[in-house]
C-alpha atoms as a PDB file:
ATOM      1  CA  UNK A   1       0.151  -0.195   0.034  1.00  0.00           C
ATOM      2  CA  UNK A   2       2.820   2.180   0.439  1.00  0.00           C
ATOM      3  CA  UNK A   3       6.174   2.857  -1.018  1.00  0.00           C
ATOM      4  CA  UNK A   4       8.934   3.706   1.654  1.00  0.00           C
ATOM      5  CA  UNK A   5      11.978   5.900   0.953  1.00  0.00           C
ATOM      6  CA  UNK A   6      15.212   6.290   3.312  1.00  0.00           C
ATOM      7  CA  UNK A   7      17.720   8.778   2.848  1.00  0.00           C
ATOM      8  CA  UNK A   8      20.516   9.561   5.099  1.00  0.00           C
ATOM      9  CA  UNK A   9      22.693   6.220   6.001  1.00  0.00           C
ATOM     10  CA  UNK A  10      25.879   6.146   5.604  1.00  0.00           C
ATOM     11  CA  UNK A  11      29.179   5.861   7.234  1.00  0.00           C
ATOM     12  CA  UNK A  12      29.132   7.948  10.548  1.00  0.00           C
ATOM     13  CA  UNK A  13      31.837   9.065  13.381  1.00  0.00           C
ATOM     14  CA  UNK A  14      31.958   7.803  16.839  1.00  0.00           C
ATOM     15  CA  UNK A  15      30.989  11.287  18.733  1.00  0.00           C
ATOM     16  CA  UNK A  16      29.131  12.641  15.756  1.00  0.00           C
ATOM     17  CA  UNK A  17      25.646  12.849  14.354  1.00  0.00           C
ATOM     18  CA  UNK A  18      23.332  11.671  11.886  1.00  0.00           C
ATOM     19  CA  UNK A  19      20.615  12.476   9.876  1.00  0.00           C
ATOM     20  CA  UNK A  20      17.637  10.450   8.573  1.00  0.00           C
ATOM     21  CA  UNK A  21      14.537  11.136   6.515  1.00  0.00           C
ATOM     22  CA  UNK A  22      11.944   8.778   5.750  1.00  0.00           C
ATOM     23  CA  UNK A  23       9.164   9.591   2.709  1.00  0.00           C
ATOM     24  CA  UNK A  24       6.179   7.735   2.067  1.00  0.00           C
ATOM     25  CA  UNK A  25       3.849   7.741  -1.100  1.00  0.00           C
ATOM     26  CA  UNK A  26       0.695   5.800  -1.603  1.00  0.00           C
ATOM     27  CA  UNK A  27      -2.739   5.757  -0.255  1.00  0.00           C
ATOM     28  CA  UNK A  28      -4.128   5.552   3.572  1.00  0.00           C
ATOM     29  CA  UNK A  29      -6.529   6.610   4.999  1.00  0.00           C
ATOM     30  CA  UNK A  30      -5.143   7.435   9.028  1.00  0.00           C
ATOM     31  CA  UNK A  31      -1.667   7.440  10.471  1.00  0.00           C
ATOM     32  CA  UNK A  32      -1.233   5.414  13.737  1.00  0.00           C
ATOM     33  CA  UNK A  33       2.311   6.493  14.127  1.00  0.00           C
ATOM     34  CA  UNK A  34       5.115   6.846  12.298  1.00  0.00           C
ATOM     35  CA  UNK A  35       8.754   6.662  13.643  1.00  0.00           C
ATOM     36  CA  UNK A  36      12.308   4.430  13.087  1.00  0.00           C
ATOM     37  CA  UNK A  37      13.478   1.387  14.400  1.00  0.00           C
ATOM     38  CA  UNK A  38      17.343  -0.130  14.200  1.00  0.00           C
ATOM     39  CA  UNK A  39      18.822  -3.300  14.135  1.00  0.00           C
ATOM     40  CA  UNK A  40      22.490  -4.122  14.859  1.00  0.00           C
ATOM     41  CA  UNK A  41      24.317  -7.253  13.070  1.00  0.00           C
ATOM     42  CA  UNK A  42      23.044 -10.875  15.425  1.00  0.00           C
ATOM     43  CA  UNK A  43      20.866  -8.310  17.364  1.00  0.00           C
ATOM     44  CA  UNK A  44      16.622  -8.240  17.327  1.00  0.00           C
ATOM     45  CA  UNK A  45      15.126  -4.453  15.615  1.00  0.00           C
ATOM     46  CA  UNK A  46      14.567  -2.147  18.461  1.00  0.00           C
ATOM     47  CA  UNK A  47      12.468   0.735  18.522  1.00  0.00           C
ATOM     48  CA  UNK A  48      14.312   4.091  18.531  1.00  0.00           C
ATOM     49  CA  UNK A  49      11.355   7.060  18.527  1.00  0.00           C
ATOM     50  CA  UNK A  50       8.357   6.935  16.957  1.00  0.00           C
ATOM     51  CA  UNK A  51       5.442   9.773  17.132  1.00  0.00           C
ATOM     52  CA  UNK A  52       1.417   8.806  17.457  1.00  0.00           C
ATOM     53  CA  UNK A  53      -1.152  10.745  18.804  1.00  0.00           C
ATOM     54  CA  UNK A  54      -0.580   9.822  22.394  1.00  0.00           C
ATOM     55  CA  UNK A  55       2.394  11.547  21.775  1.00  0.00           C
ATOM     56  CA  UNK A  56       6.582  10.487  20.964  1.00  0.00           C
ATOM     57  CA  UNK A  57       8.430   7.823  22.477  1.00  0.00           C
ATOM     58  CA  UNK A  58      12.028   6.730  22.703  1.00  0.00           C
ATOM     59  CA  UNK A  59      13.676   4.436  23.977  1.00  0.00           C
ATOM     60  CA  UNK A  60      15.288   4.010  26.923  1.00  0.00           C
ATOM     61  CA  UNK A  61      19.204   3.513  25.360  1.00  0.00           C
ATOM     62  CA  UNK A  62      17.781   7.230  23.359  1.00  0.00           C
ATOM     63  CA  UNK A  63      18.815   9.640  26.329  1.00  0.00           C
ATOM     64  CA  UNK A  64      18.374  13.495  24.885  1.00  0.00           C
ATOM     65  CA  UNK A  65      20.097  12.357  21.983  1.00  0.00           C
ATOM     66  CA  UNK A  66      17.674  12.103  19.339  1.00  0.00           C
ATOM     67  CA  UNK A  67      15.015  14.319  17.663  1.00  0.00           C
ATOM     68  CA  UNK A  68      12.221  13.006  15.698  1.00  0.00           C
ATOM     69  CA  UNK A  69       9.538  14.711  13.605  1.00  0.00           C
ATOM     70  CA  UNK A  70       6.582  13.519  11.406  1.00  0.00           C
ATOM     71  CA  UNK A  71       4.594  15.187   9.132  1.00  0.00           C
ATOM     72  CA  UNK A  72       1.279  13.354   8.558  1.00  0.00           C
ATOM     73  CA  UNK A  73      -0.201  15.683   6.058  1.00  0.00           C
ATOM     74  CA  UNK A  74       3.755  14.344   3.884  1.00  0.00           C
ATOM     75  CA  UNK A  75       3.926  11.376   5.276  1.00  0.00           C
ATOM     76  CA  UNK A  76       7.211  12.038   6.026  1.00  0.00           C
ATOM     77  CA  UNK A  77       8.936  11.635   8.965  1.00  0.00           C
ATOM     78  CA  UNK A  78      12.671  12.634   9.944  1.00  0.00           C
ATOM     79  CA  UNK A  79      15.475  11.131  12.749  1.00  0.00           C
ATOM     80  CA  UNK A  80      18.109  13.472  14.231  1.00  0.00           C
ATOM     81  CA  UNK A  81      21.064  11.321  16.182  1.00  0.00           C
ATOM     82  CA  UNK A  82      24.320  12.993  18.248  1.00  0.00           C
ATOM     83  CA  UNK A  83      26.603  11.705  20.254  1.00  0.00           C
ATOM     84  CA  UNK A  84      26.840   8.892  17.962  1.00  0.00           C
ATOM     85  CA  UNK A  85      28.879   5.811  20.180  1.00  0.00           C
ATOM     86  CA  UNK A  86      30.179   2.025  18.736  1.00  0.00           C
ATOM     87  CA  UNK A  87      27.334   0.667  20.336  1.00  0.00           C
ATOM     88  CA  UNK A  88      25.029   2.637  18.073  1.00  0.00           C
ATOM     89  CA  UNK A  89      26.154   0.973  14.414  1.00  0.00           C
ATOM     90  CA  UNK A  90      22.895  -0.648  12.678  1.00  0.00           C
ATOM     91  CA  UNK A  91      20.945  -0.555   9.757  1.00  0.00           C
ATOM     92  CA  UNK A  92      17.799   1.835  10.751  1.00  0.00           C
ATOM     93  CA  UNK A  93      14.444   1.268   9.499  1.00  0.00           C
ATOM     94  CA  UNK A  94      10.963   3.658   8.691  1.00  0.00           C
ATOM     95  CA  UNK A  95       8.018   2.125  10.120  1.00  0.00           C
ATOM     96  CA  UNK A  96       5.007   3.971   9.246  1.00  0.00           C
ATOM     97  CA  UNK A  97       1.313   2.518  11.194  1.00  0.00           C
ATOM     98  CA  UNK A  98      -2.185   3.408  10.042  1.00  0.00           C
ATOM     99  CA  UNK A  99      -5.278   2.723   8.075  1.00  0.00           C
ATOM    100  CA  UNK A 100      -6.017   2.008   4.505  1.00  0.00           C
ATOM    101  CA  UNK A 101      -9.023   2.466   3.000  1.00  0.00           C
ATOM    102  CA  UNK A 102     -12.258  -0.352   3.729  1.00  0.00           C
ATOM    103  CA  UNK A 103     -10.616  -0.072   7.499  1.00  0.00           C
ATOM    104  CA  UNK A 104      -7.863  -2.005   6.695  1.00  0.00           C
ATOM    105  CA  UNK A 105      -4.698  -1.959   9.344  1.00  0.00           C
ATOM    106  CA  UNK A 106      -0.878  -0.633   7.452  1.00  0.00           C
ATOM    107  CA  UNK A 107       2.404  -1.507   9.008  1.00  0.00           C
ATOM    108  CA  UNK A 108       5.018  -0.393   6.444  1.00  0.00           C
ATOM    109  CA  UNK A 109       8.412  -0.758   6.636  1.00  0.00           C
ATOM    110  CA  UNK A 110      11.259   0.518   4.809  1.00  0.00           C
ATOM    111  CA  UNK A 111      13.845  -1.134   3.296  1.00  0.00           C
ATOM    112  CA  UNK A 112      16.802  -0.593   5.810  1.00  0.00           C
ATOM    113  CA  UNK A 113      19.585   2.608   5.615  1.00  0.00           C
ATOM    114  CA  UNK A 114      22.865   0.972   7.301  1.00  0.00           C
ATOM    115  CA  UNK A 115      24.707   3.173   9.423  1.00  0.00           C
ATOM    116  CA  UNK A 116      28.165   2.124  10.108  1.00  0.00           C
ATOM    117  CA  UNK A 117      30.020   3.859  12.942  1.00  0.00           C
ATOM    118  CA  UNK A 118      33.671   3.755  13.113  1.00  0.00           C
ATOM    119  CA  UNK A 119      35.693   3.945  16.063  1.00  0.00           C
END
């Protein structure tokens, strides 16, 4: 139902920052949440941050290093993370949840954008 494009991934330096952008096209009736997840090699995919009608949710590991911004009308969600640490390298995935016409639920994922972090 949705085509998701992620941008901003690439090699980053420890102590530096990254900026990711997600843009979706397609048919959707309403948005439940938009956000970002990450998955490191050999580990499970985990929440980074999401935006929903109930507010913004951040993973515990984030602290104050992450800023997320979503635009439901434009179907975009961006993520900024500062103070990158050696444990942060991962593939980041954009996620959009909501409803399509006829009441069907939607859970769409981007292809993932890798963010390796140099020491």
